Protein backbone atom coordinates (compact mmCIF):
# COMPACT_ATOMS: atom_id res chain seq x y z
CA MET A 1 9.65 152.17 158.93
CA GLU A 2 10.49 148.70 160.14
CA LEU A 3 12.94 146.34 158.44
CA SER A 4 11.71 143.39 156.42
CA ARG A 5 13.09 139.92 156.98
CA GLU A 6 15.01 140.21 153.70
CA GLU A 7 16.54 143.49 154.81
CA ILE A 8 17.59 142.05 158.15
CA GLU A 9 19.37 139.26 156.29
CA ARG A 10 20.92 141.66 153.77
CA TYR A 11 22.32 144.01 156.42
CA ASN A 12 23.15 141.29 158.94
CA ARG A 13 26.89 142.06 159.09
CA GLN A 14 26.16 145.65 160.12
CA ILE A 15 23.40 144.72 162.55
CA LEU A 16 25.79 142.34 164.32
CA ILE A 17 27.98 145.26 165.41
CA PRO A 18 26.99 146.03 169.02
CA GLU A 19 27.27 149.81 168.68
CA PHE A 20 25.22 149.74 165.48
CA GLY A 21 22.56 147.05 165.88
CA LEU A 22 19.02 146.90 164.58
CA GLU A 23 18.28 150.47 165.66
CA GLY A 24 21.18 151.79 163.62
CA GLN A 25 19.92 149.99 160.54
CA LYS A 26 16.42 151.38 161.02
CA LYS A 27 17.89 154.89 161.18
CA LEU A 28 19.64 154.32 157.86
CA LYS A 29 16.42 153.10 156.25
CA ASN A 30 14.55 156.19 157.42
CA ALA A 31 17.28 158.62 156.36
CA SER A 32 17.77 160.65 153.19
CA VAL A 33 21.13 161.77 151.82
CA LEU A 34 21.87 164.10 148.90
CA VAL A 35 25.09 163.48 146.98
CA ILE A 36 26.43 166.34 144.88
CA GLY A 37 28.21 164.81 141.91
CA ALA A 38 28.42 161.22 140.73
CA GLY A 39 32.10 161.38 139.78
CA GLY A 40 35.29 160.29 141.51
CA LEU A 41 34.11 160.90 145.07
CA GLY A 42 30.43 160.37 144.34
CA SER A 43 31.02 156.88 142.94
CA PRO A 44 32.22 155.17 146.16
CA VAL A 45 29.88 157.34 148.26
CA LEU A 46 26.86 156.24 146.26
CA LEU A 47 27.87 152.59 146.06
CA TYR A 48 28.49 152.24 149.79
CA LEU A 49 25.47 154.25 150.91
CA THR A 50 23.29 152.20 148.60
CA ALA A 51 24.76 148.94 149.86
CA SER A 52 24.43 150.06 153.49
CA GLY A 53 20.68 150.63 153.24
CA ILE A 54 20.11 154.40 153.21
CA GLY A 55 16.39 154.74 152.51
CA ARG A 56 16.48 157.58 150.00
CA ILE A 57 19.49 158.88 148.08
CA GLY A 58 19.43 161.94 145.87
CA VAL A 59 21.99 162.45 143.12
CA VAL A 60 22.77 165.81 141.52
CA GLU A 61 24.65 165.27 138.25
CA HIS A 62 24.49 166.81 134.78
CA ASP A 63 27.61 165.43 133.05
CA ILE A 64 28.16 162.52 130.67
CA VAL A 65 30.56 159.59 131.07
CA ASP A 66 33.96 160.25 129.51
CA LEU A 67 36.66 157.65 128.89
CA SER A 68 39.02 159.54 131.23
CA ASN A 69 36.47 159.12 134.05
CA LEU A 70 36.84 155.34 134.20
CA GLN A 71 40.23 155.52 135.95
CA ARG A 72 38.51 156.59 139.20
CA GLN A 73 34.73 156.77 138.69
CA ILE A 74 33.92 153.15 139.46
CA LEU A 75 30.16 153.51 138.97
CA TYR A 76 30.60 153.29 135.21
CA GLU A 77 31.64 150.80 132.53
CA GLU A 78 33.22 151.24 129.11
CA LYS A 79 29.90 150.64 127.37
CA GLU A 80 28.48 153.70 129.14
CA VAL A 81 30.98 156.21 127.73
CA GLY A 82 28.90 158.98 126.18
CA SER A 83 25.87 158.20 128.37
CA LYS A 84 24.38 160.53 130.96
CA LYS A 85 26.00 159.85 134.32
CA ILE A 86 22.74 160.36 136.18
CA ASP A 87 21.04 157.58 134.23
CA ALA A 88 23.97 155.16 134.34
CA ALA A 89 24.42 155.74 138.06
CA GLY A 90 20.72 155.31 138.79
CA GLU A 91 20.61 151.99 136.94
CA ARG A 92 23.71 150.66 138.68
CA LEU A 93 22.48 151.62 142.14
CA LYS A 94 19.01 150.12 141.66
CA ASN A 95 20.63 146.87 140.51
CA LEU A 96 22.73 146.89 143.67
CA ASN A 97 19.85 147.41 146.10
CA GLU A 98 16.22 147.51 145.02
CA ASN A 99 15.08 148.39 148.56
CA ILE A 100 16.22 152.00 148.34
CA THR A 101 14.86 155.00 146.47
CA ILE A 102 17.18 156.81 144.06
CA GLN A 103 16.03 160.35 143.34
CA LYS A 104 17.72 161.80 140.28
CA HIS A 105 18.39 165.52 139.82
CA PRO A 106 19.76 165.80 136.26
CA THR A 107 21.01 169.35 136.62
CA ARG A 108 23.89 171.48 137.79
CA LEU A 109 23.49 172.73 141.37
CA THR A 110 23.01 176.50 141.21
CA ARG A 111 21.99 179.27 143.56
CA TYR A 112 18.57 179.16 141.88
CA ASN A 113 17.78 175.49 142.61
CA ALA A 114 20.00 174.62 145.59
CA LEU A 115 17.58 175.52 148.39
CA GLU A 116 14.71 173.65 146.77
CA ILE A 117 16.79 170.51 146.22
CA VAL A 118 18.70 170.39 149.51
CA GLU A 119 15.75 171.06 151.81
CA ASN A 120 14.31 167.62 151.06
CA TYR A 121 17.27 165.70 152.54
CA ASP A 122 18.68 165.11 156.01
CA LEU A 123 22.29 165.76 155.04
CA VAL A 124 24.49 166.49 152.05
CA ILE A 125 27.68 164.86 150.81
CA ASP A 126 29.71 167.12 148.54
CA GLY A 127 31.53 165.24 145.79
CA SER A 128 32.24 168.29 143.64
CA ASP A 129 35.71 169.30 142.48
CA ASN A 130 35.44 173.07 142.30
CA PHE A 131 35.29 175.97 144.75
CA PRO A 132 32.10 177.68 143.52
CA THR A 133 30.07 174.52 144.17
CA ARG A 134 31.68 173.96 147.57
CA TYR A 135 30.79 177.46 148.72
CA LEU A 136 27.29 177.05 147.30
CA VAL A 137 26.80 173.77 149.18
CA ASN A 138 28.14 175.30 152.39
CA ASP A 139 25.93 178.37 152.26
CA THR A 140 22.84 176.38 151.30
CA CYS A 141 23.38 173.98 154.18
CA GLU A 142 23.95 176.87 156.58
CA LEU A 143 20.71 178.54 155.51
CA LEU A 144 18.78 175.27 155.87
CA ASN A 145 20.67 174.08 158.95
CA LYS A 146 21.81 170.86 157.25
CA PRO A 147 25.13 169.13 157.94
CA PHE A 148 27.35 168.35 154.98
CA VAL A 149 30.29 166.03 154.52
CA TYR A 150 33.22 167.55 152.65
CA GLY A 151 35.84 165.69 150.65
CA ALA A 152 38.60 166.70 148.25
CA ILE A 153 41.36 164.86 146.39
CA HIS A 154 44.52 166.02 144.63
CA GLN A 155 47.21 163.76 143.17
CA PHE A 156 48.25 161.62 146.20
CA GLU A 157 46.37 163.60 148.85
CA GLY A 158 42.88 163.79 150.29
CA GLN A 159 40.82 165.75 152.81
CA VAL A 160 37.64 164.95 154.73
CA SER A 161 35.58 166.94 157.22
CA VAL A 162 32.02 167.57 158.38
CA PHE A 163 30.62 171.10 158.35
CA ASN A 164 27.58 172.80 159.84
CA TYR A 165 27.03 169.87 162.22
CA ASN A 166 25.02 170.83 165.31
CA GLY A 167 26.01 174.46 164.93
CA GLY A 168 29.68 173.62 164.40
CA VAL A 169 32.23 175.15 162.05
CA THR A 170 31.47 175.67 158.38
CA TYR A 171 33.50 175.49 155.21
CA ARG A 172 34.02 179.25 155.43
CA ASP A 173 35.83 178.79 158.74
CA LEU A 174 38.35 176.63 156.88
CA PHE A 175 38.48 178.75 153.71
CA ASP A 176 37.12 182.23 154.33
CA LYS A 177 38.13 183.25 150.81
CA PRO A 178 38.59 181.12 147.70
CA PRO A 179 42.16 180.67 146.50
CA ALA A 180 43.34 182.02 143.18
CA GLU A 181 42.25 179.77 140.32
CA ASP A 182 45.79 178.83 139.32
CA MET A 183 46.45 177.78 142.94
CA ALA A 184 43.46 175.45 143.05
CA PRO A 185 43.84 172.88 140.26
CA ASN A 186 41.25 170.14 139.88
CA CYS A 187 41.65 166.53 138.76
CA SER A 188 41.49 167.43 135.08
CA THR A 189 44.40 169.85 135.34
CA ALA A 190 46.58 168.45 138.15
CA GLY A 191 45.76 164.74 138.03
CA VAL A 192 44.84 162.32 140.79
CA LEU A 193 45.59 158.74 141.71
CA GLY A 194 42.34 156.88 141.08
CA MET A 195 42.38 155.07 144.42
CA MET A 196 42.33 158.41 146.27
CA ALA A 197 38.71 158.81 145.21
CA GLY A 198 37.90 155.44 146.74
CA ILE A 199 39.66 156.24 150.02
CA VAL A 200 38.16 159.69 150.51
CA GLY A 201 34.72 158.78 149.17
CA SER A 202 34.52 155.81 151.53
CA LEU A 203 35.44 158.03 154.47
CA GLN A 204 32.72 160.48 153.46
CA ALA A 205 30.19 157.65 153.43
CA ILE A 206 31.35 156.56 156.91
CA GLU A 207 30.89 160.09 158.27
CA ALA A 208 27.37 160.19 156.84
CA VAL A 209 26.51 156.89 158.53
CA LYS A 210 27.91 158.19 161.83
CA ILE A 211 25.82 161.36 161.58
CA ILE A 212 22.64 159.39 160.84
CA THR A 213 23.07 156.68 163.47
CA GLY A 214 24.77 158.74 166.16
CA ILE A 215 27.63 156.29 166.62
CA GLY A 216 31.26 157.32 167.06
CA ARG A 217 32.68 160.83 166.93
CA VAL A 218 31.95 162.88 163.84
CA LEU A 219 34.74 164.86 162.12
CA ASN A 220 33.19 168.09 163.37
CA GLY A 221 35.73 170.88 163.76
CA GLU A 222 38.52 168.68 162.41
CA LEU A 223 40.08 168.24 159.00
CA LEU A 224 41.42 164.78 158.20
CA LEU A 225 44.45 164.89 155.91
CA ILE A 226 45.70 161.83 154.03
CA GLU A 227 48.90 161.55 151.97
CA VAL A 228 49.40 158.07 150.59
CA LEU A 229 52.97 158.19 149.22
CA SER A 230 54.25 158.10 152.77
CA MET A 231 50.90 156.86 154.17
CA ASN A 232 50.73 159.86 156.47
CA VAL A 233 47.35 160.46 158.14
CA ARG A 234 46.73 163.35 160.51
CA LYS A 235 43.99 165.64 161.79
CA ILE A 236 44.08 169.38 162.30
CA LYS A 237 41.70 171.52 164.31
CA ILE A 238 39.40 173.92 162.48
CA LEU A 239 38.78 177.06 164.52
CA THR A 240 35.76 179.30 164.21
CA ASN A 241 36.54 182.46 162.26
CA PRO A 242 35.34 185.36 164.44
CA GLU A 243 35.17 187.68 161.42
CA LYS A 244 32.99 185.31 159.39
CA ARG A 245 29.73 186.92 158.33
CA PRO A 246 26.46 185.01 158.71
CA ILE A 247 24.98 183.67 155.49
CA THR A 248 21.71 185.41 154.59
CA GLU A 249 21.40 184.62 150.88
CA LEU A 250 22.94 182.69 148.01
CA ILE A 251 25.18 184.71 145.72
CA ASP A 252 26.91 184.41 142.33
CA TYR A 253 29.59 181.88 143.34
CA GLU A 254 31.42 181.91 140.03
CA ALA A 255 31.94 185.65 140.44
CA PHE A 256 32.80 185.25 144.14
CA CYS A 257 35.51 182.69 143.40
CA SER A 258 37.05 184.77 140.65
CA SER A 259 36.79 188.12 142.43
CA GLY A 260 40.16 189.80 142.73
CA ASN A 261 41.61 187.56 140.06
CA VAL A 262 40.88 189.82 137.11
CA LEU A 263 40.03 193.47 136.79
CA GLU A 264 37.49 192.84 134.08
CA SER A 265 36.65 190.21 131.50
CA ILE A 266 35.13 190.21 128.05
CA THR A 267 33.50 187.54 125.91
CA PHE A 268 34.86 186.72 122.48
CA GLU A 269 31.70 188.10 120.86
CA LYS A 270 32.12 191.44 122.64
CA PHE A 271 35.84 191.44 121.89
CA LYS A 272 35.14 191.24 118.14
CA GLU A 273 33.14 194.47 118.39
CA LEU A 274 36.09 196.45 119.76
CA ASN A 275 37.97 198.90 117.54
CA LYS A 276 41.50 197.52 117.03
CA ASP A 277 42.98 200.97 117.54
CA ASP A 278 41.54 201.14 121.05
CA TYR A 279 43.33 198.20 122.63
CA GLN A 280 46.56 196.21 122.79
CA LEU A 281 46.15 192.43 122.45
CA ILE A 282 48.65 190.21 124.24
CA ASP A 283 48.89 186.43 123.85
CA VAL A 284 50.56 184.77 126.87
CA ARG A 285 50.71 181.25 125.42
CA SER A 286 53.81 179.45 124.23
CA GLU A 287 55.40 180.11 120.85
CA ARG A 288 54.32 176.66 119.64
CA GLU A 289 50.68 177.37 120.49
CA TYR A 290 50.91 180.77 118.86
CA LEU A 291 52.25 179.33 115.59
CA LEU A 292 49.41 176.82 115.44
CA ALA A 293 46.73 179.51 115.71
CA ASN A 294 46.54 183.08 116.96
CA LEU A 295 44.40 186.22 117.01
CA GLY A 296 47.15 188.48 115.72
CA GLY A 297 48.14 189.77 119.12
CA GLU A 298 51.63 190.31 120.51
CA LEU A 299 53.20 187.09 121.77
CA ILE A 300 54.55 187.44 125.30
CA PRO A 301 54.65 183.98 126.93
CA LEU A 302 53.62 184.02 130.57
CA GLU A 303 57.12 183.12 131.76
CA ASP A 304 58.56 186.11 129.82
CA LEU A 305 55.98 188.61 131.04
CA GLU A 306 58.12 190.43 133.62
CA SER A 307 61.15 190.67 131.34
CA LYS A 308 58.98 192.41 128.72
CA ILE A 309 56.98 194.57 131.09
CA LEU A 310 57.85 197.74 129.14
CA SER A 311 56.08 196.32 126.09
CA ILE A 312 52.74 196.42 127.89
CA LYS A 313 50.93 199.72 127.46
CA LYS A 314 49.39 201.68 130.31
CA ASP A 315 47.73 204.38 128.22
CA LYS A 316 45.13 202.16 126.54
CA THR A 317 43.10 199.02 127.25
CA VAL A 318 45.12 195.79 127.24
CA VAL A 319 43.29 192.57 126.38
CA ILE A 320 45.18 189.46 127.52
CA HIS A 321 44.37 185.94 126.41
CA CYS A 322 45.71 182.39 126.44
CA GLN A 323 44.23 179.07 125.34
CA SER A 324 41.43 178.66 127.89
CA GLY A 325 41.62 181.64 130.26
CA GLY A 326 43.74 180.35 133.14
CA ARG A 327 47.16 181.71 132.23
CA SER A 328 45.73 185.07 131.21
CA LYS A 329 44.16 185.45 134.66
CA THR A 330 47.50 184.62 136.24
CA ALA A 331 49.15 187.25 134.04
CA ILE A 332 46.59 189.88 134.99
CA ARG A 333 46.94 189.12 138.68
CA LEU A 334 50.72 189.51 138.45
CA LEU A 335 50.51 192.77 136.54
CA LYS A 336 47.90 194.21 138.91
CA GLU A 337 49.54 193.24 142.16
CA LYS A 338 53.21 193.76 141.31
CA TYR A 339 53.14 196.49 138.67
CA ASN A 340 49.87 198.33 139.46
CA PHE A 341 48.26 197.94 136.05
CA THR A 342 44.62 199.09 136.04
CA ASN A 343 43.77 198.77 132.34
CA LEU A 344 43.64 194.99 131.87
CA ILE A 345 40.86 192.84 130.44
CA ASN A 346 40.79 189.05 130.34
CA LEU A 347 39.42 187.38 127.20
CA GLU A 348 37.01 184.79 128.59
CA GLY A 349 37.77 181.25 127.41
CA GLY A 350 40.78 182.34 125.36
CA MET A 351 41.30 180.62 122.02
CA ASN A 352 38.90 177.86 123.06
CA ALA A 353 36.05 180.38 123.05
CA ILE A 354 36.40 180.84 119.28
CA ASP A 355 35.16 177.33 118.53
CA SER A 356 32.64 177.04 121.37
């Protein structure tokens, strides 16, 4: 499709760049980009891609706007707290540039819908904040031979790379196995400086434009690392993992990312059906949390676990729980790896599961 006179005027500052020019702008207009998540990273990605003139932009988002989002998710305003992100984002982007098409996917990306959604776009930008989605995006893009732009933020740090570009390295070359859950905190648990989302999201948008137009050198096979407290920026080489298996299908990524973390888990509903004489229940929360509410189990705070190791039975099932499930998984991992326990069950969701 050719550019209209209005579009040439709108994108004039980009067209003036010799390496970019009119042909570069036409490529943007004829391109389609899928953005996974309209949160911290997705906000600057979507704003800049919309402003730059990408012809069709897809947005996968199922969440609602929360007050805590506004610190870094610049797509939204206070009046939109409680609204669906997908609708608020779509309205904002159409108001920014009516020339583009915004295709909304009001759903969570899963192994059941990923192939169908992703196949309709030229490339993917991953703005998610969890490992199951990152592996899902990687494997989907590998199966469909689509490049995807990766970004991640944590406190004062950020990462950017491009995977599956022209047969290049994939996310699994960088992380062949997911880290333990307690070693991979997200923004809600570890915090993040709001501006980090703007920095990394903008860089992701730039990489997408480079891929589409063919200008510059794409971050293929390289991981860009940014640390803003000392303003340290560096790149490291990503090598192909010779033991990496080819992707042939999409799997259960929640299970994949928690594999090895717990021996077994049980829902609160199933837990209530157990005979109390058949198990030992251990609460690894703090004493303060225990006094506020408990299930009647033995209190052994996580930090005291090793000093009270003899209190944990090996001749019957041991159900371990905390408030939400994170600390109990850490406890189980410790007991399995260091003390060879084989009789442990994690109570899914912990105390939070009671009210859910």
